Amino acid sequence: MSELDDFLTKTLARQVEEEEALHNGDVQPRLRWIASRFSDCTAYRFELVAAGVSSDLAYTVGYEHISVSMDGVPLEPYTLRVTHVYRRENGEWKIVHRHADYPPIEQSPPTEAPTR
C-alpha cells in the first residue's frame, strides 16, 4: 500500500466520522462553537477530488455534501468545496488548515450576442 493510500484509508475515514459528529452537534471531536450550532445531520458525504502526501505533509481537496439543521432550523442540502492541509505529528495526521467555500454557480454563456 502506498503512503497516499494509507493516508486516505486511515485519515480520511476518521475525518468523515468527525465531520458527521460535528454536524450532529457533537462538541467532543473539535470546534466546540460551530458544533454547538449544528444538529440533526441527515446526510454527510465527502467527495474526494485530489490528495497528496509528501513526508509529514498531506492535503485533500473535495466537496462536502451536507443536510443538517443549524440553530434548530433545517437547512436545504448544500455543498462546500473544501481543502484540508495535514501535518503528521507523533505518527498521527492532524488537520492544520481548512478552507471551505461554496462552489461557483454555473452560468451558461449567452446563446446569442446581445443586440444594441
N, C-alpha and C. Protein backbone atom coordinates (compact mmCIF):
# COMPACT_ATOMS: atom_id res chain seq x y z
N MET A 1 0.85 -1.16 0.00
CA MET A 1 0.00 0.00 0.00
C MET A 1 0.91 1.24 0.00
N SER A 2 0.60 2.21 -0.88
CA SER A 2 1.41 3.42 -0.93
C SER A 2 1.12 4.31 0.28
N GLU A 3 2.00 5.27 0.49
CA GLU A 3 1.81 6.20 1.61
C GLU A 3 0.51 7.00 1.43
N LEU A 4 0.19 7.38 0.18
CA LEU A 4 -1.06 8.10 -0.08
C LEU A 4 -2.27 7.21 0.21
N ASP A 5 -2.23 5.95 -0.23
CA ASP A 5 -3.34 5.03 0.04
C ASP A 5 -3.54 4.84 1.54
N ASP A 6 -2.44 4.69 2.26
CA ASP A 6 -2.51 4.52 3.71
C ASP A 6 -3.12 5.76 4.37
N PHE A 7 -2.68 6.95 3.95
CA PHE A 7 -3.23 8.21 4.46
C PHE A 7 -4.72 8.29 4.21
N LEU A 8 -5.14 8.01 2.97
CA LEU A 8 -6.56 8.13 2.63
C LEU A 8 -7.40 7.11 3.36
N THR A 9 -6.93 5.88 3.48
CA THR A 9 -7.70 4.83 4.13
C THR A 9 -7.92 5.14 5.61
N LYS A 10 -6.88 5.53 6.30
CA LYS A 10 -7.00 5.75 7.74
C LYS A 10 -7.50 7.14 8.09
N THR A 11 -6.88 8.15 7.54
CA THR A 11 -7.16 9.52 7.96
C THR A 11 -8.48 10.04 7.41
N LEU A 12 -8.76 9.80 6.15
CA LEU A 12 -9.99 10.32 5.56
C LEU A 12 -11.22 9.67 6.19
N ALA A 13 -11.14 8.39 6.49
CA ALA A 13 -12.27 7.72 7.15
C ALA A 13 -12.53 8.32 8.53
N ARG A 14 -11.47 8.58 9.29
CA ARG A 14 -11.63 9.20 10.61
C ARG A 14 -12.17 10.62 10.50
N GLN A 15 -11.70 11.35 9.50
CA GLN A 15 -12.17 12.72 9.32
C GLN A 15 -13.66 12.76 8.97
N VAL A 16 -14.12 11.86 8.12
CA VAL A 16 -15.54 11.81 7.77
C VAL A 16 -16.38 11.53 9.01
N GLU A 17 -15.93 10.61 9.86
CA GLU A 17 -16.63 10.34 11.12
C GLU A 17 -16.71 11.59 11.99
N GLU A 18 -15.60 12.33 12.09
CA GLU A 18 -15.58 13.54 12.90
C GLU A 18 -16.46 14.64 12.31
N GLU A 19 -16.50 14.76 10.99
CA GLU A 19 -17.36 15.75 10.34
C GLU A 19 -18.83 15.42 10.59
N GLU A 20 -19.19 14.14 10.49
CA GLU A 20 -20.57 13.74 10.78
C GLU A 20 -20.92 14.06 12.23
N ALA A 21 -20.01 13.79 13.16
CA ALA A 21 -20.25 14.09 14.57
C ALA A 21 -20.42 15.60 14.76
N LEU A 22 -19.56 16.39 14.13
CA LEU A 22 -19.66 17.84 14.22
C LEU A 22 -21.02 18.32 13.73
N HIS A 23 -21.50 17.78 12.61
CA HIS A 23 -22.78 18.21 12.04
C HIS A 23 -23.97 17.66 12.81
N ASN A 24 -23.73 16.78 13.75
CA ASN A 24 -24.79 16.32 14.66
C ASN A 24 -24.70 17.01 16.01
N GLY A 25 -23.84 18.03 16.11
CA GLY A 25 -23.73 18.80 17.33
C GLY A 25 -22.82 18.22 18.38
N ASP A 26 -22.05 17.19 18.04
CA ASP A 26 -21.12 16.57 18.99
C ASP A 26 -19.93 17.50 19.17
N VAL A 27 -19.79 18.07 20.35
CA VAL A 27 -18.72 19.05 20.58
C VAL A 27 -17.41 18.42 21.02
N GLN A 28 -17.35 17.11 21.14
CA GLN A 28 -16.12 16.47 21.61
C GLN A 28 -15.00 16.45 20.58
N PRO A 29 -15.25 16.07 19.30
CA PRO A 29 -14.11 15.92 18.41
C PRO A 29 -13.30 17.20 18.21
N ARG A 30 -13.94 18.35 17.96
CA ARG A 30 -13.22 19.60 17.74
C ARG A 30 -14.21 20.71 17.46
N LEU A 31 -13.75 21.92 17.44
CA LEU A 31 -14.53 23.09 17.05
C LEU A 31 -15.83 23.22 17.84
N ARG A 32 -15.67 23.37 19.14
CA ARG A 32 -16.80 23.43 20.08
C ARG A 32 -17.90 24.41 19.67
N TRP A 33 -17.54 25.64 19.30
CA TRP A 33 -18.54 26.66 18.99
C TRP A 33 -19.39 26.28 17.79
N ILE A 34 -18.76 25.91 16.68
CA ILE A 34 -19.53 25.60 15.47
C ILE A 34 -20.35 24.33 15.68
N ALA A 35 -19.81 23.34 16.36
CA ALA A 35 -20.55 22.10 16.59
C ALA A 35 -21.81 22.36 17.41
N SER A 36 -21.74 23.32 18.34
CA SER A 36 -22.92 23.60 19.17
C SER A 36 -24.06 24.20 18.36
N ARG A 37 -23.79 24.70 17.18
CA ARG A 37 -24.84 25.29 16.33
C ARG A 37 -25.51 24.26 15.43
N PHE A 38 -24.88 23.11 15.19
CA PHE A 38 -25.42 22.09 14.30
C PHE A 38 -26.19 21.03 15.06
N SER A 39 -27.17 20.40 14.38
CA SER A 39 -27.86 19.23 14.92
C SER A 39 -28.56 18.51 13.78
N ASP A 40 -29.01 17.31 14.05
CA ASP A 40 -29.84 16.54 13.12
C ASP A 40 -29.25 16.41 11.72
N CYS A 41 -28.00 16.01 11.64
CA CYS A 41 -27.38 15.78 10.34
C CYS A 41 -28.00 14.53 9.73
N THR A 42 -28.69 14.70 8.61
CA THR A 42 -29.33 13.56 7.95
C THR A 42 -28.46 13.00 6.84
N ALA A 43 -27.44 13.78 6.40
CA ALA A 43 -26.54 13.28 5.37
C ALA A 43 -25.24 14.06 5.41
N TYR A 44 -24.14 13.34 5.30
CA TYR A 44 -22.82 13.95 5.14
C TYR A 44 -22.03 13.01 4.24
N ARG A 45 -21.50 13.57 3.15
CA ARG A 45 -20.68 12.77 2.23
C ARG A 45 -19.52 13.64 1.78
N PHE A 46 -18.31 13.07 1.79
CA PHE A 46 -17.13 13.77 1.29
C PHE A 46 -16.75 13.16 -0.05
N GLU A 47 -16.71 14.00 -1.07
CA GLU A 47 -16.34 13.58 -2.42
C GLU A 47 -14.90 14.01 -2.68
N LEU A 48 -13.98 13.07 -2.66
CA LEU A 48 -12.56 13.36 -2.84
C LEU A 48 -12.27 13.68 -4.31
N VAL A 49 -11.58 14.80 -4.55
CA VAL A 49 -11.19 15.20 -5.89
C VAL A 49 -9.70 14.96 -6.10
N ALA A 50 -8.88 15.34 -5.10
CA ALA A 50 -7.43 15.17 -5.21
C ALA A 50 -6.84 15.04 -3.82
N ALA A 51 -5.69 14.38 -3.75
CA ALA A 51 -4.99 14.21 -2.47
C ALA A 51 -3.52 13.97 -2.76
N GLY A 52 -2.71 14.31 -1.76
CA GLY A 52 -1.28 14.05 -1.91
C GLY A 52 -0.61 13.98 -0.56
N VAL A 53 0.51 13.24 -0.53
CA VAL A 53 1.31 13.10 0.69
C VAL A 53 2.77 13.31 0.31
N SER A 54 3.48 14.08 1.12
CA SER A 54 4.90 14.27 0.93
C SER A 54 5.54 14.41 2.31
N SER A 55 6.26 13.37 2.71
CA SER A 55 6.91 13.36 4.02
C SER A 55 5.86 13.51 5.12
N ASP A 56 5.90 14.57 5.91
CA ASP A 56 4.96 14.75 7.01
C ASP A 56 3.86 15.76 6.69
N LEU A 57 3.66 16.07 5.40
CA LEU A 57 2.58 16.96 4.97
C LEU A 57 1.67 16.22 4.00
N ALA A 58 0.38 16.56 4.05
CA ALA A 58 -0.58 15.96 3.14
C ALA A 58 -1.70 16.96 2.89
N TYR A 59 -2.48 16.71 1.83
CA TYR A 59 -3.63 17.56 1.56
C TYR A 59 -4.75 16.73 0.94
N THR A 60 -5.97 17.24 1.10
CA THR A 60 -7.12 16.70 0.38
C THR A 60 -7.89 17.88 -0.18
N VAL A 61 -8.50 17.67 -1.33
CA VAL A 61 -9.38 18.64 -1.96
C VAL A 61 -10.64 17.88 -2.35
N GLY A 62 -11.80 18.44 -2.04
CA GLY A 62 -13.02 17.74 -2.39
C GLY A 62 -14.25 18.57 -2.10
N TYR A 63 -15.38 17.89 -2.10
CA TYR A 63 -16.68 18.52 -1.85
C TYR A 63 -17.35 17.83 -0.67
N GLU A 64 -17.90 18.64 0.24
CA GLU A 64 -18.73 18.13 1.33
C GLU A 64 -20.18 18.35 0.93
N HIS A 65 -20.96 17.28 0.92
CA HIS A 65 -22.39 17.35 0.62
C HIS A 65 -23.11 17.11 1.95
N ILE A 66 -23.90 18.10 2.41
CA ILE A 66 -24.41 18.10 3.78
C ILE A 66 -25.89 18.43 3.83
N SER A 67 -26.64 17.72 4.69
CA SER A 67 -28.01 18.08 5.06
C SER A 67 -28.03 18.12 6.58
N VAL A 68 -28.38 19.28 7.16
CA VAL A 68 -28.24 19.48 8.60
C VAL A 68 -29.17 20.60 9.06
N SER A 69 -29.38 20.69 10.36
CA SER A 69 -30.06 21.84 10.96
C SER A 69 -29.02 22.74 11.60
N MET A 70 -29.21 24.05 11.48
CA MET A 70 -28.32 24.99 12.15
C MET A 70 -29.16 25.89 13.04
N ASP A 71 -28.76 25.98 14.29
CA ASP A 71 -29.50 26.76 15.29
C ASP A 71 -30.98 26.33 15.33
N GLY A 72 -31.22 25.03 15.14
CA GLY A 72 -32.58 24.48 15.22
C GLY A 72 -33.41 24.63 13.96
N VAL A 73 -32.86 25.27 12.93
CA VAL A 73 -33.60 25.49 11.69
C VAL A 73 -33.06 24.54 10.62
N PRO A 74 -33.92 23.69 10.04
CA PRO A 74 -33.44 22.80 8.97
C PRO A 74 -32.93 23.62 7.78
N LEU A 75 -31.79 23.22 7.27
CA LEU A 75 -31.23 23.88 6.09
C LEU A 75 -31.49 23.03 4.86
N GLU A 76 -31.54 23.67 3.72
CA GLU A 76 -31.57 22.94 2.47
C GLU A 76 -30.23 22.22 2.34
N PRO A 77 -30.20 21.06 1.70
CA PRO A 77 -28.90 20.41 1.47
C PRO A 77 -27.97 21.39 0.74
N TYR A 78 -26.69 21.36 1.10
CA TYR A 78 -25.75 22.25 0.45
C TYR A 78 -24.42 21.54 0.24
N THR A 79 -23.60 22.15 -0.60
CA THR A 79 -22.29 21.61 -0.94
C THR A 79 -21.24 22.69 -0.69
N LEU A 80 -20.13 22.27 -0.07
CA LEU A 80 -18.97 23.14 0.10
C LEU A 80 -17.79 22.51 -0.63
N ARG A 81 -16.97 23.35 -1.25
CA ARG A 81 -15.70 22.81 -1.76
C ARG A 81 -14.67 23.08 -0.68
N VAL A 82 -13.88 22.05 -0.36
CA VAL A 82 -13.06 22.07 0.84
C VAL A 82 -11.63 21.63 0.53
N THR A 83 -10.68 22.35 1.13
CA THR A 83 -9.27 21.97 1.09
C THR A 83 -8.79 21.81 2.53
N HIS A 84 -8.14 20.69 2.80
CA HIS A 84 -7.54 20.45 4.11
C HIS A 84 -6.04 20.23 3.92
N VAL A 85 -5.26 20.81 4.83
CA VAL A 85 -3.82 20.56 4.88
C VAL A 85 -3.56 19.84 6.20
N TYR A 86 -2.78 18.76 6.15
CA TYR A 86 -2.49 17.93 7.32
C TYR A 86 -0.99 17.94 7.60
N ARG A 87 -0.67 17.74 8.87
CA ARG A 87 0.72 17.54 9.30
C ARG A 87 0.75 16.28 10.16
N ARG A 88 1.77 15.44 9.94
CA ARG A 88 1.91 14.24 10.76
C ARG A 88 2.65 14.61 12.04
N GLU A 89 2.00 14.35 13.19
CA GLU A 89 2.59 14.63 14.50
C GLU A 89 2.56 13.35 15.32
N ASN A 90 3.73 12.89 15.73
CA ASN A 90 3.84 11.65 16.51
C ASN A 90 3.11 10.49 15.83
N GLY A 91 3.25 10.41 14.50
CA GLY A 91 2.66 9.31 13.74
C GLY A 91 1.18 9.46 13.42
N GLU A 92 0.56 10.55 13.82
CA GLU A 92 -0.87 10.75 13.57
C GLU A 92 -1.08 12.01 12.73
N TRP A 93 -1.97 11.92 11.73
CA TRP A 93 -2.25 13.06 10.87
C TRP A 93 -3.23 14.00 11.56
N LYS A 94 -2.89 15.30 11.57
CA LYS A 94 -3.72 16.34 12.18
C LYS A 94 -4.02 17.39 11.12
N ILE A 95 -5.26 17.89 11.10
CA ILE A 95 -5.60 19.00 10.21
C ILE A 95 -4.98 20.27 10.79
N VAL A 96 -4.19 20.97 9.97
CA VAL A 96 -3.59 22.22 10.42
C VAL A 96 -4.17 23.41 9.66
N HIS A 97 -4.93 23.15 8.61
CA HIS A 97 -5.58 24.23 7.87
C HIS A 97 -6.79 23.67 7.15
N ARG A 98 -7.88 24.45 7.16
CA ARG A 98 -9.10 24.09 6.43
C ARG A 98 -9.60 25.34 5.74
N HIS A 99 -9.95 25.19 4.48
CA HIS A 99 -10.63 26.27 3.76
C HIS A 99 -11.85 25.66 3.10
N ALA A 100 -12.99 26.33 3.26
CA ALA A 100 -14.23 25.87 2.63
C ALA A 100 -14.98 27.07 2.10
N ASP A 101 -15.58 26.88 0.94
CA ASP A 101 -16.47 27.89 0.38
C ASP A 101 -17.49 27.21 -0.52
N TYR A 102 -18.46 27.99 -0.95
CA TYR A 102 -19.45 27.45 -1.87
C TYR A 102 -18.87 27.42 -3.27
N PRO A 103 -19.12 26.33 -4.02
CA PRO A 103 -18.63 26.29 -5.39
C PRO A 103 -19.30 27.41 -6.20
N PRO A 104 -18.63 27.89 -7.24
CA PRO A 104 -19.25 28.94 -8.05
C PRO A 104 -20.53 28.42 -8.72
N ILE A 105 -21.48 29.31 -8.86
CA ILE A 105 -22.73 28.96 -9.54
C ILE A 105 -22.43 28.88 -11.03
N GLU A 106 -22.82 27.77 -11.63
CA GLU A 106 -22.58 27.62 -13.06
C GLU A 106 -23.45 28.60 -13.82
N GLN A 107 -22.84 29.30 -14.74
CA GLN A 107 -23.56 30.25 -15.57
C GLN A 107 -23.31 29.88 -17.02
N SER A 108 -24.37 29.71 -17.75
CA SER A 108 -24.25 29.38 -19.17
C SER A 108 -23.95 30.64 -19.96
N PRO A 109 -23.07 30.53 -20.95
CA PRO A 109 -22.80 31.71 -21.78
C PRO A 109 -24.06 32.03 -22.60
N PRO A 110 -24.21 33.31 -22.97
CA PRO A 110 -25.38 33.66 -23.78
C PRO A 110 -25.35 32.91 -25.11
N THR A 111 -26.53 32.55 -25.61
CA THR A 111 -26.60 31.82 -26.87
C THR A 111 -26.46 32.74 -28.06
N GLU A 112 -26.81 34.00 -27.89
CA GLU A 112 -26.69 34.97 -28.98
C GLU A 112 -25.98 36.20 -28.45
N ALA A 113 -25.31 36.90 -29.36
CA ALA A 113 -24.69 38.15 -28.96
C ALA A 113 -25.78 39.17 -28.66
N PRO A 114 -25.62 39.97 -27.61
CA PRO A 114 -26.64 40.97 -27.32
C PRO A 114 -26.74 42.00 -28.44
N THR A 115 -27.96 42.47 -28.68
CA THR A 115 -28.16 43.49 -29.71
C THR A 115 -28.15 44.86 -29.04
N ARG A 116 -27.70 45.84 -29.82
CA ARG A 116 -27.66 47.21 -29.29
C ARG A 116 -28.75 48.03 -29.87
